[in-house]
Amino acid sequence: MSPHHLSWKTRSENNEDMVQHGTDTRGSKNAMAKLTESDVLAIRASYARQVDLAAQYGVRQQTISAILRRKEWAWLK
């Protein structure tokens, strides 16, 4: 790597660069992710009970609640 490609940035700026360059590990890019982007969109569109959605997708009810409140996967529109 050439030192000419390096620059000092804040943590926020580095995170923005990762998103722009596709090197972030958000969503299904994360090796520990149980859900995909399409799963999250289906959960948000569903009128099913949270406990039923949790059982269907193999996650906890708290995860479904956080998705619906946009505390998790908030970047996904």
N, C-alpha and C. Protein backbone atom coordinates (compact mmCIF):
# COMPACT_ATOMS: atom_id res chain seq x y z
N MET A 1 0.84 -1.18 0.00
CA MET A 1 0.00 0.00 0.00
C MET A 1 0.88 1.24 0.00
N SER A 2 0.55 2.15 -0.83
CA SER A 2 1.30 3.39 -0.94
C SER A 2 0.91 4.35 0.19
N PRO A 3 1.87 5.00 0.82
CA PRO A 3 1.53 5.96 1.87
C PRO A 3 0.76 7.17 1.35
N HIS A 4 0.76 7.38 0.05
CA HIS A 4 0.02 8.50 -0.54
C HIS A 4 -1.49 8.27 -0.48
N HIS A 5 -1.89 7.03 -0.22
CA HIS A 5 -3.31 6.71 -0.13
C HIS A 5 -3.85 6.87 1.29
N LEU A 6 -2.97 7.16 2.23
CA LEU A 6 -3.35 7.27 3.63
C LEU A 6 -3.66 8.72 4.00
N SER A 7 -4.62 8.89 4.89
CA SER A 7 -4.93 10.22 5.41
C SER A 7 -5.51 10.08 6.81
N TRP A 8 -5.33 11.14 7.60
CA TRP A 8 -5.87 11.15 8.95
C TRP A 8 -7.35 11.47 8.90
N LYS A 9 -8.15 10.62 9.55
CA LYS A 9 -9.60 10.85 9.58
C LYS A 9 -10.14 10.48 10.95
N THR A 10 -11.32 11.00 11.25
CA THR A 10 -12.00 10.64 12.49
C THR A 10 -12.59 9.24 12.33
N ARG A 11 -13.02 8.67 13.43
CA ARG A 11 -13.66 7.35 13.39
C ARG A 11 -14.90 7.39 12.50
N SER A 12 -15.67 8.44 12.61
CA SER A 12 -16.88 8.59 11.81
C SER A 12 -16.53 8.64 10.32
N GLU A 13 -15.50 9.39 9.97
CA GLU A 13 -15.08 9.48 8.57
C GLU A 13 -14.58 8.12 8.06
N ASN A 14 -13.85 7.39 8.89
CA ASN A 14 -13.39 6.06 8.50
C ASN A 14 -14.57 5.13 8.26
N ASN A 15 -15.59 5.21 9.13
CA ASN A 15 -16.78 4.37 8.95
C ASN A 15 -17.50 4.72 7.65
N GLU A 16 -17.59 6.00 7.34
CA GLU A 16 -18.21 6.42 6.08
C GLU A 16 -17.44 5.87 4.88
N ASP A 17 -16.11 5.90 4.97
CA ASP A 17 -15.27 5.36 3.90
C ASP A 17 -15.52 3.86 3.71
N MET A 18 -15.66 3.12 4.81
CA MET A 18 -15.92 1.69 4.70
C MET A 18 -17.23 1.42 3.98
N VAL A 19 -18.25 2.20 4.28
CA VAL A 19 -19.54 2.04 3.60
C VAL A 19 -19.39 2.36 2.11
N GLN A 20 -18.71 3.44 1.81
CA GLN A 20 -18.53 3.85 0.41
C GLN A 20 -17.74 2.82 -0.39
N HIS A 21 -16.74 2.22 0.24
CA HIS A 21 -15.88 1.27 -0.46
C HIS A 21 -16.38 -0.17 -0.36
N GLY A 22 -17.47 -0.39 0.37
CA GLY A 22 -18.03 -1.73 0.48
C GLY A 22 -17.25 -2.66 1.38
N THR A 23 -16.45 -2.10 2.29
CA THR A 23 -15.66 -2.93 3.18
C THR A 23 -16.22 -2.98 4.60
N ASP A 24 -17.42 -2.45 4.78
CA ASP A 24 -18.08 -2.51 6.09
C ASP A 24 -18.61 -3.92 6.33
N THR A 25 -18.96 -4.21 7.56
CA THR A 25 -19.50 -5.53 7.89
C THR A 25 -20.90 -5.41 8.47
N ARG A 26 -21.69 -4.51 7.91
CA ARG A 26 -23.08 -4.35 8.36
C ARG A 26 -23.93 -5.45 7.76
N GLY A 27 -25.04 -5.73 8.44
CA GLY A 27 -26.04 -6.64 7.90
C GLY A 27 -25.52 -8.03 7.65
N SER A 28 -25.88 -8.58 6.51
CA SER A 28 -25.52 -9.97 6.22
C SER A 28 -24.04 -10.14 5.87
N LYS A 29 -23.30 -9.05 5.74
CA LYS A 29 -21.85 -9.15 5.54
C LYS A 29 -21.15 -9.60 6.82
N ASN A 30 -21.82 -9.43 7.94
CA ASN A 30 -21.28 -9.84 9.22
C ASN A 30 -21.37 -11.36 9.33
N ALA A 31 -20.28 -12.00 9.68
CA ALA A 31 -20.23 -13.46 9.75
C ALA A 31 -21.19 -14.03 10.79
N MET A 32 -21.59 -13.24 11.77
CA MET A 32 -22.48 -13.71 12.84
C MET A 32 -23.95 -13.43 12.55
N ALA A 33 -24.25 -12.79 11.43
CA ALA A 33 -25.63 -12.40 11.12
C ALA A 33 -26.50 -13.62 10.88
N LYS A 34 -27.68 -13.61 11.48
CA LYS A 34 -28.67 -14.67 11.27
C LYS A 34 -29.73 -14.25 10.25
N LEU A 35 -29.81 -12.95 10.01
CA LEU A 35 -30.84 -12.42 9.11
C LEU A 35 -30.19 -11.80 7.88
N THR A 36 -30.94 -11.76 6.81
CA THR A 36 -30.52 -11.06 5.61
C THR A 36 -31.29 -9.75 5.50
N GLU A 37 -30.89 -8.91 4.58
CA GLU A 37 -31.60 -7.65 4.37
C GLU A 37 -33.05 -7.91 3.99
N SER A 38 -33.29 -8.92 3.16
CA SER A 38 -34.67 -9.22 2.76
C SER A 38 -35.49 -9.75 3.94
N ASP A 39 -34.86 -10.48 4.86
CA ASP A 39 -35.56 -10.93 6.07
C ASP A 39 -36.02 -9.73 6.89
N VAL A 40 -35.14 -8.76 7.06
CA VAL A 40 -35.45 -7.58 7.88
C VAL A 40 -36.59 -6.79 7.24
N LEU A 41 -36.55 -6.63 5.93
CA LEU A 41 -37.63 -5.91 5.26
C LEU A 41 -38.95 -6.66 5.39
N ALA A 42 -38.92 -7.99 5.33
CA ALA A 42 -40.13 -8.79 5.50
C ALA A 42 -40.66 -8.68 6.93
N ILE A 43 -39.76 -8.64 7.90
CA ILE A 43 -40.16 -8.49 9.31
C ILE A 43 -40.85 -7.14 9.50
N ARG A 44 -40.28 -6.09 8.94
CA ARG A 44 -40.86 -4.75 9.08
C ARG A 44 -42.21 -4.64 8.39
N ALA A 45 -42.43 -5.40 7.33
CA ALA A 45 -43.69 -5.34 6.59
C ALA A 45 -44.76 -6.25 7.19
N SER A 46 -44.36 -7.13 8.09
CA SER A 46 -45.28 -8.13 8.64
C SER A 46 -46.14 -7.55 9.77
N TYR A 47 -47.33 -8.12 9.88
CA TYR A 47 -48.22 -7.76 10.99
C TYR A 47 -48.31 -8.89 12.01
N ALA A 48 -47.46 -9.90 11.86
CA ALA A 48 -47.45 -11.04 12.78
C ALA A 48 -46.92 -10.60 14.15
N ARG A 49 -47.22 -11.41 15.15
CA ARG A 49 -46.73 -11.12 16.49
C ARG A 49 -45.20 -11.29 16.52
N GLN A 50 -44.57 -10.51 17.38
CA GLN A 50 -43.12 -10.54 17.48
C GLN A 50 -42.60 -11.92 17.86
N VAL A 51 -43.29 -12.58 18.79
CA VAL A 51 -42.82 -13.91 19.21
C VAL A 51 -42.92 -14.91 18.06
N ASP A 52 -43.93 -14.76 17.22
CA ASP A 52 -44.06 -15.65 16.07
C ASP A 52 -42.97 -15.38 15.04
N LEU A 53 -42.69 -14.11 14.81
CA LEU A 53 -41.61 -13.77 13.88
C LEU A 53 -40.26 -14.26 14.40
N ALA A 54 -40.05 -14.13 15.69
CA ALA A 54 -38.80 -14.60 16.29
C ALA A 54 -38.62 -16.10 16.08
N ALA A 55 -39.68 -16.86 16.29
CA ALA A 55 -39.60 -18.31 16.08
C ALA A 55 -39.37 -18.63 14.61
N GLN A 56 -40.02 -17.91 13.74
CA GLN A 56 -39.88 -18.15 12.29
C GLN A 56 -38.46 -17.90 11.81
N TYR A 57 -37.81 -16.85 12.31
CA TYR A 57 -36.49 -16.48 11.84
C TYR A 57 -35.35 -16.98 12.74
N GLY A 58 -35.68 -17.63 13.83
CA GLY A 58 -34.65 -18.19 14.70
C GLY A 58 -33.87 -17.16 15.48
N VAL A 59 -34.53 -16.08 15.87
CA VAL A 59 -33.91 -15.05 16.69
C VAL A 59 -34.78 -14.80 17.92
N ARG A 60 -34.31 -13.96 18.82
CA ARG A 60 -35.08 -13.64 20.02
C ARG A 60 -36.13 -12.58 19.72
N GLN A 61 -37.15 -12.53 20.53
CA GLN A 61 -38.21 -11.53 20.38
C GLN A 61 -37.63 -10.13 20.52
N GLN A 62 -36.63 -9.97 21.38
CA GLN A 62 -35.99 -8.67 21.58
C GLN A 62 -35.33 -8.17 20.28
N THR A 63 -34.81 -9.10 19.49
CA THR A 63 -34.20 -8.74 18.21
C THR A 63 -35.26 -8.22 17.26
N ILE A 64 -36.41 -8.89 17.20
CA ILE A 64 -37.50 -8.45 16.34
C ILE A 64 -37.96 -7.06 16.77
N SER A 65 -38.10 -6.86 18.07
CA SER A 65 -38.52 -5.56 18.59
C SER A 65 -37.53 -4.47 18.20
N ALA A 66 -36.24 -4.74 18.33
CA ALA A 66 -35.22 -3.76 17.98
C ALA A 66 -35.24 -3.44 16.48
N ILE A 67 -35.51 -4.44 15.66
CA ILE A 67 -35.62 -4.21 14.22
C ILE A 67 -36.82 -3.31 13.92
N LEU A 68 -37.95 -3.59 14.54
CA LEU A 68 -39.15 -2.81 14.30
C LEU A 68 -39.02 -1.37 14.80
N ARG A 69 -38.25 -1.19 15.88
CA ARG A 69 -38.01 0.16 16.41
C ARG A 69 -36.82 0.83 15.73
N ARG A 70 -36.21 0.14 14.78
CA ARG A 70 -35.05 0.62 14.03
C ARG A 70 -33.85 0.91 14.92
N LYS A 71 -33.72 0.14 15.99
CA LYS A 71 -32.52 0.20 16.83
C LYS A 71 -31.45 -0.72 16.25
N GLU A 72 -31.86 -1.74 15.52
CA GLU A 72 -30.96 -2.62 14.78
C GLU A 72 -31.34 -2.52 13.31
N TRP A 73 -30.36 -2.66 12.45
CA TRP A 73 -30.55 -2.54 11.00
C TRP A 73 -31.15 -1.18 10.64
N ALA A 74 -30.81 -0.15 11.41
CA ALA A 74 -31.39 1.18 11.20
C ALA A 74 -31.00 1.77 9.85
N TRP A 75 -29.88 1.40 9.33
CA TRP A 75 -29.41 1.93 8.04
C TRP A 75 -30.22 1.39 6.87
N LEU A 76 -30.93 0.30 7.07
CA LEU A 76 -31.68 -0.34 5.98
C LEU A 76 -33.02 0.36 5.84
N LYS A 77 -33.31 0.89 4.67
CA LYS A 77 -34.55 1.63 4.44
C LYS A 77 -35.69 0.71 4.11
